């Protein structure tokens, strides 16, 4: 490996300091000449991660009902703006300040103060800070899906800023800051199984719990019905962007361009592939010989989530196992919303929290020191190296992040919800008619003018649902939360009426 820039900066006899040096007096690039190829890779990795954010927006928009889909696209742009500013303002400092305590950073780097030419490993600190900003963006965008079809946009953005500050940044400090208590335990988390996935999935569950069920879900039997995703094409495109972005997400987490980086890329791709295989195999079994595009996409995401904490620690054959088991484990929790009676219809908790927990625990089992040593410096051992306590450390990470995230998120939501003007829940009529119509200016998924014309002519109700087929003149039954048996009975009655007419 090339000489680390810090070795140059430590030579104070020529004017260098631990802060890097004054660019007016010296060429600070001299310190990075020998390791410039690491910078090139990390610049590329940062750009690779970026498509994950709009990809999540497309993924979510395809999963939800059409009447509120465009709102989720706006949220992906909103998160890009709000969290990028939060990270510049104080997020980076609270997470990565060099003088942090084991639980939270300081404001030493408030407003990116002194984040100029200091070396973080082989990288100048501005590049490291920007790369880590991509992780904050992804985490908040994942979390924000917890209250889809119900939440107002302005309170959601205020919540996003506050949540990143008091939940995400402390957990990052615990896990990746050299002073963090999980880092020194040590819990193994290569690229964000805990800070990104477990925290965002748990927070999404808390968000859905506090904001309450969608109106049509508040039936006497407390059922939580599932809707068919309105646009599998958007889900497919979003998944493609997420899979592509994960090469930068995991591959860049080595913070260098070493043999270990290449190995991480291989592990990432294979885990996503076996995730698709595992989920699709269960779909084929449960759906009696049929597959699902949406299921394959969810399997891909589940595999990527599960391999995230393990990608730089486990042999490639275990990466295949982790991707497969992660997808199968998440798929078997298909009805978790019904079990816990919480309307988290975007299934963020299932995909990210449960998938992240599976990955974190399997990392403790399968981490092998020879994999981490492919970068020439890092040594991490799991059960396969007879380091049996590591599984306990992984469990401690899971429990700490789940507990802290859920409790603090609930408290934060309740506080914001009681601030005048920041009530999360939209009025009932807006929820029924769709968020796109009321929260966006004349924008919606599909042909907005056509939908308005059909509504005015009486073919659509206020919620955008077809009430008259326009051919037979038969009034179609309004959508309800009835059971499958009741729905079949109503469909048979409607068919009989059409036949008699």
Protein backbone atom coordinates (compact mmCIF):
# COMPACT_ATOMS: atom_id res chain seq x y z
CA UNK A 1 0.00 0.00 0.00
CA UNK A 2 1.10 3.59 -0.63
CA UNK A 3 2.39 5.80 2.15
CA UNK A 4 -0.47 7.34 4.12
CA UNK A 5 -0.74 11.14 3.81
CA UNK A 6 -0.72 11.43 7.60
CA UNK A 7 2.92 10.32 7.54
CA UNK A 8 3.72 13.46 5.53
CA UNK A 9 1.56 15.74 7.66
CA UNK A 10 3.30 14.49 10.80
CA UNK A 11 6.59 15.93 9.56
CA UNK A 12 6.21 19.27 11.34
CA UNK A 13 9.78 20.28 10.53
CA UNK A 14 8.67 21.52 7.09
CA UNK A 15 5.55 23.30 8.24
CA UNK A 16 2.94 20.53 8.15
CA UNK A 17 0.48 20.24 11.00
CA UNK A 18 -2.08 17.69 12.09
CA UNK A 19 -4.66 19.91 10.36
CA UNK A 20 -2.87 19.43 7.03
CA UNK A 21 -1.22 22.71 6.31
CA UNK A 22 -1.94 26.16 4.88
CA UNK A 23 -2.53 26.05 1.12
CA UNK A 24 -1.21 29.64 0.87
CA UNK A 25 2.20 28.55 2.09
CA UNK A 26 2.55 25.05 0.64
CA UNK A 27 1.10 22.61 -1.86
CA UNK A 28 -1.09 20.35 0.26
CA UNK A 29 -1.46 17.95 -2.67
CA UNK A 30 2.10 16.75 -2.12
CA UNK A 31 0.91 14.57 0.74
CA UNK A 32 -1.53 12.73 -1.52
CA UNK A 33 0.64 12.11 -4.58
CA UNK A 34 1.56 8.55 -3.63
CA UNK A 35 -2.02 7.62 -2.74
CA UNK A 36 -3.93 9.48 -5.45
CA UNK A 37 -5.49 6.31 -6.85
CA UNK A 38 -7.35 5.84 -3.55
CA UNK A 39 -8.92 9.27 -4.04
CA UNK A 40 -9.98 8.45 -7.59
CA UNK A 41 -11.78 5.31 -6.47
CA UNK A 42 -13.50 7.04 -3.57
CA UNK A 43 -14.66 9.91 -5.79
CA UNK A 44 -16.20 7.33 -8.11
CA UNK A 45 -17.73 5.40 -5.18
CA UNK A 46 -19.33 8.59 -3.89
CA UNK A 47 -20.96 9.21 -7.26
CA UNK A 48 -22.07 5.55 -7.44
CA UNK A 49 -23.93 5.84 -4.11
CA UNK A 50 -25.88 8.92 -5.16
CA UNK A 51 -28.45 7.11 -7.43
CA UNK A 52 -29.66 5.11 -4.42
CA UNK A 53 -31.60 8.14 -3.16
CA UNK A 54 -33.75 8.73 -6.27
CA UNK A 55 -33.85 4.94 -6.68
CA UNK A 56 -35.50 4.64 -3.27
CA UNK A 57 -37.97 7.33 -4.33
CA UNK A 58 -38.94 5.32 -7.41
CA UNK A 59 -39.04 2.08 -5.42
CA UNK A 60 -41.39 3.61 -2.84
CA UNK A 61 -43.53 5.35 -5.46
CA UNK A 62 -44.11 2.05 -7.21
CA UNK A 63 -45.01 0.26 -3.99
CA UNK A 64 -47.65 2.72 -2.79
CA UNK A 65 -51.00 3.58 -4.36
CA UNK A 66 -50.96 5.92 -7.33
CA UNK A 67 -52.84 8.75 -5.62
CA UNK A 68 -49.88 9.45 -3.28
CA UNK A 69 -46.93 8.17 -5.35
CA UNK A 70 -45.55 11.47 -6.61
CA UNK A 71 -45.32 12.78 -3.05
CA UNK A 72 -42.67 10.14 -2.38
CA UNK A 73 -40.64 11.38 -5.34
CA UNK A 74 -40.76 14.87 -3.85
CA UNK A 75 -39.59 13.47 -0.53
CA UNK A 76 -36.48 12.02 -2.14
CA UNK A 77 -35.62 15.52 -3.39
CA UNK A 78 -36.55 17.03 -0.04
CA UNK A 79 -34.25 14.64 1.82
CA UNK A 80 -31.41 15.44 -0.59
CA UNK A 81 -31.76 19.11 0.26
CA UNK A 82 -32.45 18.97 4.00
CA UNK A 83 -29.97 16.25 4.99
CA UNK A 84 -27.15 17.56 2.80
CA UNK A 85 -27.51 20.83 4.70
CA UNK A 86 -27.78 19.06 8.05
CA UNK A 87 -24.57 17.14 7.35
CA UNK A 88 -22.74 20.36 6.48
CA UNK A 89 -24.27 22.28 9.39
CA UNK A 90 -23.36 19.92 12.23
CA UNK A 91 -24.12 16.33 11.27
CA UNK A 92 -20.59 15.46 10.19
CA UNK A 93 -19.09 16.98 13.32
CA UNK A 94 -21.53 15.17 15.64
CA UNK A 95 -20.67 11.87 13.98
CA UNK A 96 -16.96 12.06 13.19
CA UNK A 97 -15.30 14.80 15.27
CA UNK A 98 -11.85 13.58 16.30
CA UNK A 99 -12.44 14.69 19.90
CA UNK A 100 -15.76 12.86 20.27
CA UNK A 101 -16.70 10.95 23.40
CA UNK A 102 -17.90 7.33 23.13
CA UNK A 103 -21.49 8.42 22.45
CA UNK A 104 -21.57 11.66 20.46
CA UNK A 105 -19.22 14.00 18.65
CA UNK A 106 -18.57 17.66 19.36
CA UNK A 107 -19.08 20.81 17.28
CA UNK A 108 -15.36 21.05 16.45
CA UNK A 109 -16.15 20.77 12.75
CA UNK A 110 -19.38 22.83 12.88
CA UNK A 111 -20.11 24.11 9.38
CA UNK A 112 -17.23 21.94 8.08
CA UNK A 113 -14.74 24.09 9.96
CA UNK A 114 -11.15 22.91 9.31
CA UNK A 115 -12.42 20.15 6.99
CA UNK A 116 -9.97 21.04 4.22
CA UNK A 117 -6.80 19.01 3.75
CA UNK A 118 -6.63 16.82 6.85
CA UNK A 119 -6.00 13.16 6.00
CA UNK A 120 -8.54 10.48 6.93
CA UNK A 121 -6.59 7.36 6.06
CA UNK A 122 -5.64 7.84 2.41
CA UNK A 123 -8.27 10.49 1.74
CA UNK A 124 -8.55 14.24 2.18
CA UNK A 125 -11.24 14.91 4.77
CA UNK A 126 -13.65 16.78 2.41
CA UNK A 127 -13.93 13.62 0.27
CA UNK A 128 -14.46 11.43 3.33
CA UNK A 129 -17.14 13.83 4.62
CA UNK A 130 -18.99 13.88 1.29
CA UNK A 131 -18.91 10.10 1.02
CA UNK A 132 -20.37 9.75 4.51
CA UNK A 133 -23.03 12.33 3.61
CA UNK A 134 -24.34 9.85 1.04
CA UNK A 135 -24.93 7.36 3.87
CA UNK A 136 -26.90 9.91 5.87
CA UNK A 137 -29.04 10.67 2.81
CA UNK A 138 -29.78 7.00 2.17
CA UNK A 139 -30.64 6.32 5.82
CA UNK A 140 -33.12 9.16 6.16
CA UNK A 141 -34.72 8.38 2.79
CA UNK A 142 -35.24 4.76 3.86
CA UNK A 143 -36.76 5.87 7.17
CA UNK A 144 -39.09 8.49 5.73
CA UNK A 145 -41.20 5.80 4.01
CA UNK A 146 -42.69 4.73 7.34
CA UNK A 147 -45.64 7.14 7.15
CA UNK A 148 -46.42 7.10 3.44
CA UNK A 149 -49.93 8.13 2.34
CA UNK A 150 -50.57 9.91 5.67
CA UNK A 151 -47.90 12.47 6.55
CA UNK A 152 -47.58 16.13 5.58
CA UNK A 153 -44.36 17.08 3.84
CA UNK A 154 -43.16 20.04 5.93
CA UNK A 155 -43.35 18.25 9.30
CA UNK A 156 -41.66 15.23 7.69
CA UNK A 157 -38.70 17.35 6.62
CA UNK A 158 -38.42 18.95 10.07
CA UNK A 159 -38.50 15.47 11.56
CA UNK A 160 -35.86 14.27 9.09
CA UNK A 161 -33.45 17.05 10.16
CA UNK A 162 -34.01 16.40 13.87
CA UNK A 163 -33.88 12.61 13.52
CA UNK A 164 -30.58 12.73 11.65
CA UNK A 165 -29.20 14.93 14.44
CA UNK A 166 -30.25 13.04 17.57
CA UNK A 167 -30.58 9.47 16.29
CA UNK A 168 -28.44 8.86 13.20
CA UNK A 169 -25.36 10.90 14.15
CA UNK A 170 -24.94 9.39 17.64
CA UNK A 171 -25.30 5.84 16.27
CA UNK A 172 -22.67 6.59 13.60
CA UNK A 173 -20.38 7.91 16.33
CA UNK A 174 -20.89 4.71 18.36
CA UNK A 175 -20.16 2.48 15.38
CA UNK A 176 -17.54 4.14 13.17
CA UNK A 177 -15.86 6.93 15.11
CA UNK A 178 -12.56 5.70 16.57
CA UNK A 179 -13.79 6.87 19.99
CA UNK A 180 -17.21 5.16 19.73
CA UNK A 181 -18.16 2.50 22.26
CA UNK A 182 -19.38 -0.03 19.67
CA UNK A 183 -16.26 0.59 17.58
CA UNK A 184 -14.07 -0.26 20.57
CA UNK A 185 -16.20 -3.17 21.81
CA UNK A 186 -15.68 -4.15 18.93
CA UNK A 187 -18.91 -4.74 17.00
CA UNK A 188 -18.23 -5.49 13.34
CA UNK A 189 -20.23 -3.32 10.96
CA UNK A 190 -18.57 -2.84 7.63
CA UNK A 191 -20.93 -0.52 5.75
CA UNK A 192 -23.99 0.23 7.85
CA UNK A 193 -26.05 -2.74 8.97
CA UNK A 194 -26.71 -0.91 12.24
CA UNK A 195 -26.41 2.84 11.55
CA UNK A 196 -28.18 2.66 8.18
CA UNK A 197 -30.55 -0.31 8.03
CA UNK A 198 -31.48 -1.28 11.59
CA UNK A 199 -31.89 2.34 12.64
CA UNK A 200 -33.93 3.41 9.60
CA UNK A 201 -36.15 0.32 9.70
CA UNK A 202 -36.82 0.69 13.42
CA UNK A 203 -37.53 4.40 13.03
CA UNK A 204 -39.97 3.72 10.18
CA UNK A 205 -41.88 1.36 12.47
CA UNK A 206 -42.00 4.03 15.19
CA UNK A 207 -43.14 6.60 12.60
CA UNK A 208 -46.00 4.36 11.48
CA UNK A 209 -46.99 3.61 15.07
CA UNK A 210 -47.16 7.24 16.19
CA UNK A 211 -48.90 8.59 13.11
CA UNK A 212 -51.50 5.80 13.18
CA UNK A 213 -53.10 3.51 10.65
CA UNK A 214 -54.49 4.70 7.35
CA UNK A 215 -58.20 5.46 7.58
CA UNK A 216 -59.40 2.35 5.79
CA UNK A 217 -57.33 0.20 8.15
CA UNK A 218 -59.13 1.31 11.29
CA UNK A 219 -61.78 -1.38 11.07
CA UNK A 220 -63.23 -3.20 14.12
CA UNK A 221 -61.23 -6.37 13.43
CA UNK A 222 -57.94 -4.44 13.43
CA UNK A 223 -56.89 -5.96 10.14
CA UNK A 224 -54.04 -4.46 8.14
CA UNK A 225 -54.86 -5.18 4.49
CA UNK A 226 -52.22 -5.20 1.79
CA UNK A 227 -52.49 -3.44 -1.55
CA UNK A 228 -51.03 -4.53 -4.86
CA UNK A 229 -48.13 -2.17 -5.78
CA UNK A 230 -49.45 0.21 -8.39
CA UNK A 231 -46.38 0.27 -10.66
CA UNK A 232 -43.91 -2.66 -10.79
CA UNK A 233 -41.96 -0.84 -13.51
CA UNK A 234 -41.00 1.95 -11.12
CA UNK A 235 -40.00 -0.65 -8.53
CA UNK A 236 -37.82 -2.44 -11.09
CA UNK A 237 -36.07 0.76 -12.19
CA UNK A 238 -35.58 1.85 -8.57
CA UNK A 239 -34.12 -1.55 -7.66
CA UNK A 240 -31.70 -1.38 -10.57
CA UNK A 241 -30.47 2.01 -9.31
CA UNK A 242 -30.18 0.68 -5.76
CA UNK A 243 -28.20 -2.41 -6.83
CA UNK A 244 -25.88 -0.24 -8.93
CA UNK A 245 -25.42 2.24 -6.08
CA UNK A 246 -24.59 -0.51 -3.61
CA UNK A 247 -21.30 -1.15 -5.38
CA UNK A 248 -20.23 2.29 -4.20
CA UNK A 249 -22.01 1.93 -0.86
CA UNK A 250 -20.16 -1.25 0.13
CA UNK A 251 -17.17 -1.00 -2.19
CA UNK A 252 -16.24 2.46 -0.96
CA UNK A 253 -16.47 1.50 2.69
CA UNK A 254 -12.91 0.18 2.62
CA UNK A 255 -11.91 3.85 2.13
CA UNK A 256 -9.17 2.68 -0.20
CA UNK A 257 -8.58 0.89 -3.49
CA UNK A 258 -7.15 -2.40 -2.23
CA UNK A 259 -7.64 -6.09 -2.93
CA UNK A 260 -10.21 -6.04 -0.15
CA UNK A 261 -12.25 -3.52 -2.16
CA UNK A 262 -12.45 -5.92 -5.10
CA UNK A 263 -13.49 -8.69 -2.76
CA UNK A 264 -16.23 -6.51 -1.27
CA UNK A 265 -17.62 -5.78 -4.72
CA UNK A 266 -17.78 -9.50 -5.44
CA UNK A 267 -19.51 -10.23 -2.12
CA UNK A 268 -22.04 -7.46 -2.71
CA UNK A 269 -23.08 -8.65 -6.15
CA UNK A 270 -23.32 -12.30 -5.12
CA UNK A 271 -25.44 -11.56 -2.04
CA UNK A 272 -27.90 -9.53 -4.11
CA UNK A 273 -28.09 -12.38 -6.63
CA UNK A 274 -28.75 -15.07 -4.02
CA UNK A 275 -31.25 -12.72 -2.40
CA UNK A 276 -33.24 -12.68 -5.65
CA UNK A 277 -32.98 -16.47 -5.81
CA UNK A 278 -34.10 -17.03 -2.21
CA UNK A 279 -37.09 -14.69 -2.34
CA UNK A 280 -38.19 -15.90 -5.78
CA UNK A 281 -37.97 -19.53 -4.67
CA UNK A 282 -40.42 -18.85 -1.84
CA UNK A 283 -42.67 -16.84 -4.17
CA UNK A 284 -42.75 -19.81 -6.54
CA UNK A 285 -43.69 -22.06 -3.63
CA UNK A 286 -46.26 -19.79 -1.99
CA UNK A 287 -47.82 -18.56 -5.26
CA UNK A 288 -48.13 -22.11 -6.62
CA UNK A 289 -45.75 -21.95 -9.55
CA UNK A 290 -45.78 -18.22 -10.24
CA UNK A 291 -43.10 -15.56 -9.76
CA UNK A 292 -43.28 -11.87 -8.83
CA UNK A 293 -41.28 -8.97 -10.24
CA UNK A 294 -41.85 -7.02 -7.04
CA UNK A 295 -40.78 -10.05 -5.01
CA UNK A 296 -37.56 -10.43 -7.00
CA UNK A 297 -36.80 -6.74 -6.44
CA UNK A 298 -37.47 -7.04 -2.71
CA UNK A 299 -35.23 -10.13 -2.60
CA UNK A 300 -32.43 -8.14 -4.20
CA UNK A 301 -32.79 -5.37 -1.60
CA UNK A 302 -32.96 -7.91 1.25
CA UNK A 303 -29.74 -9.55 0.04
CA UNK A 304 -28.00 -6.18 -0.21
CA UNK A 305 -29.17 -5.17 3.26
CA UNK A 306 -27.99 -8.44 4.82
CA UNK A 307 -24.52 -8.30 3.26
CA UNK A 308 -23.94 -4.63 4.18
CA UNK A 309 -22.42 -5.23 7.66
CA UNK A 310 -20.52 -8.30 6.45
CA UNK A 311 -19.20 -7.42 2.97
CA UNK A 312 -15.64 -6.67 4.06
CA UNK A 313 -15.37 -9.43 6.64
CA UNK A 314 -16.72 -12.70 5.20
CA UNK A 315 -15.51 -15.13 2.51
CA UNK A 316 -17.42 -15.07 -0.76
CA UNK A 317 -19.16 -18.40 -0.17
CA UNK A 318 -20.56 -17.07 3.10
CA UNK A 319 -21.65 -13.91 1.28
CA UNK A 320 -23.84 -16.13 -0.90
CA UNK A 321 -25.30 -17.74 2.22
CA UNK A 322 -25.94 -14.38 3.90
CA UNK A 323 -27.76 -12.98 0.86
CA UNK A 324 -29.92 -16.08 0.57
CA UNK A 325 -30.73 -16.36 4.28
CA UNK A 326 -31.38 -12.63 4.53
CA UNK A 327 -33.95 -12.75 1.73
CA UNK A 328 -35.59 -15.94 3.00
CA UNK A 329 -35.74 -14.62 6.56
CA UNK A 330 -37.36 -11.37 5.47
CA UNK A 331 -39.78 -13.14 3.11
CA UNK A 332 -40.97 -15.36 5.94
CA UNK A 333 -41.90 -12.18 7.84
CA UNK A 334 -44.30 -11.19 5.06
CA UNK A 335 -47.23 -10.79 7.48
CA UNK A 336 -45.35 -8.98 10.24
CA UNK A 337 -47.55 -5.88 9.96
CA UNK A 338 -50.56 -8.06 10.71
CA UNK A 339 -48.77 -9.75 13.61
CA UNK A 340 -47.79 -6.49 15.33
CA UNK A 341 -50.91 -4.55 14.22
CA UNK A 342 -48.94 -1.57 12.89
CA UNK A 343 -49.69 -0.12 9.46
CA UNK A 344 -46.14 0.13 8.13
CA UNK A 345 -47.25 -0.66 4.61
CA UNK A 346 -43.99 0.25 2.88
CA UNK A 347 -42.42 -2.66 4.81
CA UNK A 348 -39.30 -0.70 5.69
CA UNK A 349 -39.02 -2.44 9.05
CA UNK A 350 -39.23 -5.85 7.44
CA UNK A 351 -36.70 -5.23 4.68
CA UNK A 352 -34.19 -3.06 6.50
CA UNK A 353 -34.42 -3.68 10.24
CA UNK A 354 -34.99 -7.43 10.10
CA UNK A 355 -32.64 -7.83 7.14
CA UNK A 356 -30.01 -5.72 8.91
CA UNK A 357 -30.34 -7.76 12.11
CA UNK A 358 -29.89 -11.01 10.18
CA UNK A 359 -26.80 -9.61 8.48
CA UNK A 360 -25.30 -8.27 11.70
CA UNK A 361 -25.63 -11.59 13.52
CA UNK A 362 -24.34 -13.63 10.59
CA UNK A 363 -21.32 -11.31 10.43
CA UNK A 364 -20.42 -12.46 13.93
CA UNK A 365 -20.58 -16.06 12.75
CA UNK A 366 -18.80 -15.87 9.40
CA UNK A 367 -16.18 -13.07 9.74
CA UNK A 368 -12.74 -14.41 8.78
CA UNK A 369 -9.53 -12.50 9.52
CA UNK A 370 -7.93 -13.28 6.16
CA UNK A 371 -10.72 -11.38 4.36
CA UNK A 372 -10.34 -8.16 6.36
CA UNK A 373 -6.54 -8.43 6.09
CA UNK A 374 -6.83 -8.12 2.30
CA UNK A 375 -6.39 -4.36 2.86
CA UNK A 376 -3.09 -5.04 4.62
CA UNK A 377 -4.10 -3.64 7.99
CA UNK A 378 -7.53 -4.66 9.35
CA UNK A 379 -8.07 -7.85 11.33
CA UNK A 380 -11.58 -9.00 12.29
CA UNK A 381 -12.55 -12.45 13.51
CA UNK A 382 -15.85 -14.27 14.04
CA UNK A 383 -16.92 -17.77 14.99
CA UNK A 384 -15.12 -19.33 12.05
CA UNK A 385 -11.87 -18.11 13.65
CA UNK A 386 -13.01 -19.37 17.08
CA UNK A 387 -13.76 -15.84 18.32
CA UNK A 388 -17.04 -16.88 19.90
CA UNK A 389 -17.61 -13.68 21.88
CA UNK A 390 -18.08 -11.77 18.63
CA UNK A 391 -21.67 -12.93 18.26
CA UNK A 392 -22.38 -11.40 21.67
CA UNK A 393 -20.87 -8.11 20.54
CA UNK A 394 -23.07 -8.19 17.43
CA UNK A 395 -26.14 -8.84 19.55
CA UNK A 396 -25.20 -5.91 21.80
CA UNK A 397 -25.04 -3.66 18.73
CA UNK A 398 -28.47 -4.81 17.55
CA UNK A 399 -30.15 -4.33 20.94
CA UNK A 400 -28.56 -0.93 21.56
CA UNK A 401 -29.49 0.47 18.15
CA UNK A 402 -33.04 -0.93 18.11
CA UNK A 403 -33.77 0.25 21.65
CA UNK A 404 -32.25 3.72 21.30
CA UNK A 405 -33.76 4.34 17.87
CA UNK A 406 -37.29 3.29 18.75
CA UNK A 407 -37.56 5.15 22.05
CA UNK A 408 -35.95 8.40 20.89
CA UNK A 409 -37.85 8.38 17.58
CA UNK A 410 -41.21 8.00 19.32
CA UNK A 411 -40.40 10.85 21.74
CA UNK A 412 -39.21 13.09 18.91
CA UNK A 413 -42.32 12.42 16.83
CA UNK A 414 -44.64 13.20 19.73
CA UNK A 415 -42.83 16.48 20.47
CA UNK A 416 -42.90 17.68 16.85
CA UNK A 417 -46.52 16.64 16.40
CA UNK A 418 -47.55 19.01 19.21
CA UNK A 419 -45.77 22.04 17.73
CA UNK A 420 -48.31 24.40 16.08
CA UNK A 421 -48.21 24.01 12.31
CA UNK A 422 -46.22 20.77 12.40
CA UNK A 423 -48.94 18.19 12.94
CA UNK A 424 -47.94 15.14 10.90
CA UNK A 425 -51.29 13.70 9.87
CA UNK A 426 -53.11 15.15 6.88
CA UNK A 427 -56.89 15.81 7.16
CA UNK A 428 -59.14 12.84 6.40
CA UNK A 429 -60.36 14.13 3.05
CA UNK A 430 -56.79 14.68 1.84
CA UNK A 431 -55.80 11.16 2.85
CA UNK A 432 -58.82 9.71 1.03
CA UNK A 433 -58.29 11.75 -2.12
CA UNK A 434 -54.53 11.29 -2.14
CA UNK A 435 -51.56 13.35 -1.02
CA UNK A 436 -50.53 14.23 -4.57
CA UNK A 437 -53.69 16.27 -5.12
CA UNK A 438 -53.35 18.30 -1.93
CA UNK A 439 -49.63 18.50 -1.15
CA UNK A 440 -48.29 19.03 -4.67
CA UNK A 441 -49.21 21.72 -7.18
CA UNK A 442 -51.15 20.05 -10.00
CA UNK A 443 -48.86 17.06 -10.15
CA UNK A 444 -49.62 13.38 -9.90
CA UNK A 445 -48.59 9.95 -11.14
CA UNK A 446 -49.95 9.36 -14.64
CA UNK A 447 -52.18 11.78 -16.54
CA UNK A 448 -53.31 14.39 -14.02
CA UNK A 449 -55.76 16.13 -16.35
CA UNK A 450 -57.35 12.84 -17.43
CA UNK A 451 -57.92 11.82 -13.81
CA UNK A 452 -59.56 15.18 -13.05
CA UNK A 453 -61.78 14.89 -16.13
CA UNK A 454 -62.93 11.39 -15.17
CA UNK A 455 -63.60 12.52 -11.62
CA UNK A 456 -65.71 15.46 -12.83
CA UNK A 457 -67.68 13.11 -15.09
CA UNK A 458 -68.47 10.79 -12.20
CA UNK A 459 -66.29 7.85 -13.25
CA UNK A 460 -63.89 8.28 -10.31
CA UNK A 461 -64.65 8.97 -6.69
CA UNK A 462 -62.75 11.55 -4.62
CA UNK A 463 -60.09 8.97 -3.84
CA UNK A 464 -59.38 8.28 -7.52
CA UNK A 465 -61.11 4.90 -7.47
CA UNK A 466 -63.25 3.76 -10.42
CA UNK A 467 -66.96 3.84 -9.50
CA UNK A 468 -68.51 3.42 -12.96
CA UNK A 469 -67.01 1.30 -15.71
CA UNK A 470 -68.41 3.61 -18.40
CA UNK A 471 -69.67 0.69 -20.49
CA UNK A 472 -72.43 -1.14 -18.64
CA UNK A 473 -73.31 1.78 -16.41
CA UNK A 474 -73.01 -0.48 -13.38
CA UNK A 475 -71.89 1.22 -10.21
CA UNK A 476 -68.83 -0.64 -8.93
CA UNK A 477 -68.57 -1.46 -5.22
CA UNK A 478 -66.47 0.97 -3.21
CA UNK A 479 -63.12 -0.37 -1.99
CA UNK A 480 -63.18 -1.66 1.56
CA UNK A 481 -61.05 -3.50 4.07
CA UNK A 482 -63.21 -6.59 3.97
CA UNK A 483 -61.72 -10.05 4.16
CA UNK A 484 -60.82 -12.09 1.09
CA UNK A 485 -64.01 -14.17 1.46
CA UNK A 486 -66.22 -11.08 1.68
CA UNK A 487 -64.48 -9.55 -1.33
CA UNK A 488 -65.14 -12.69 -3.38
CA UNK A 489 -68.82 -12.57 -2.41
CA UNK A 490 -69.12 -8.93 -3.46
CA UNK A 491 -67.31 -9.60 -6.74
CA UNK A 492 -69.71 -12.48 -7.47
CA UNK A 493 -72.72 -10.25 -6.75
CA UNK A 494 -71.38 -7.55 -9.08
CA UNK A 495 -70.75 -10.12 -11.84
CA UNK A 496 -74.29 -11.44 -11.47
CA UNK A 497 -75.71 -7.96 -11.78
CA UNK A 498 -73.75 -7.28 -14.97
CA UNK A 499 -74.96 -10.59 -16.45
CA UNK A 500 -78.60 -9.82 -15.63
CA UNK A 501 -78.34 -6.31 -17.11
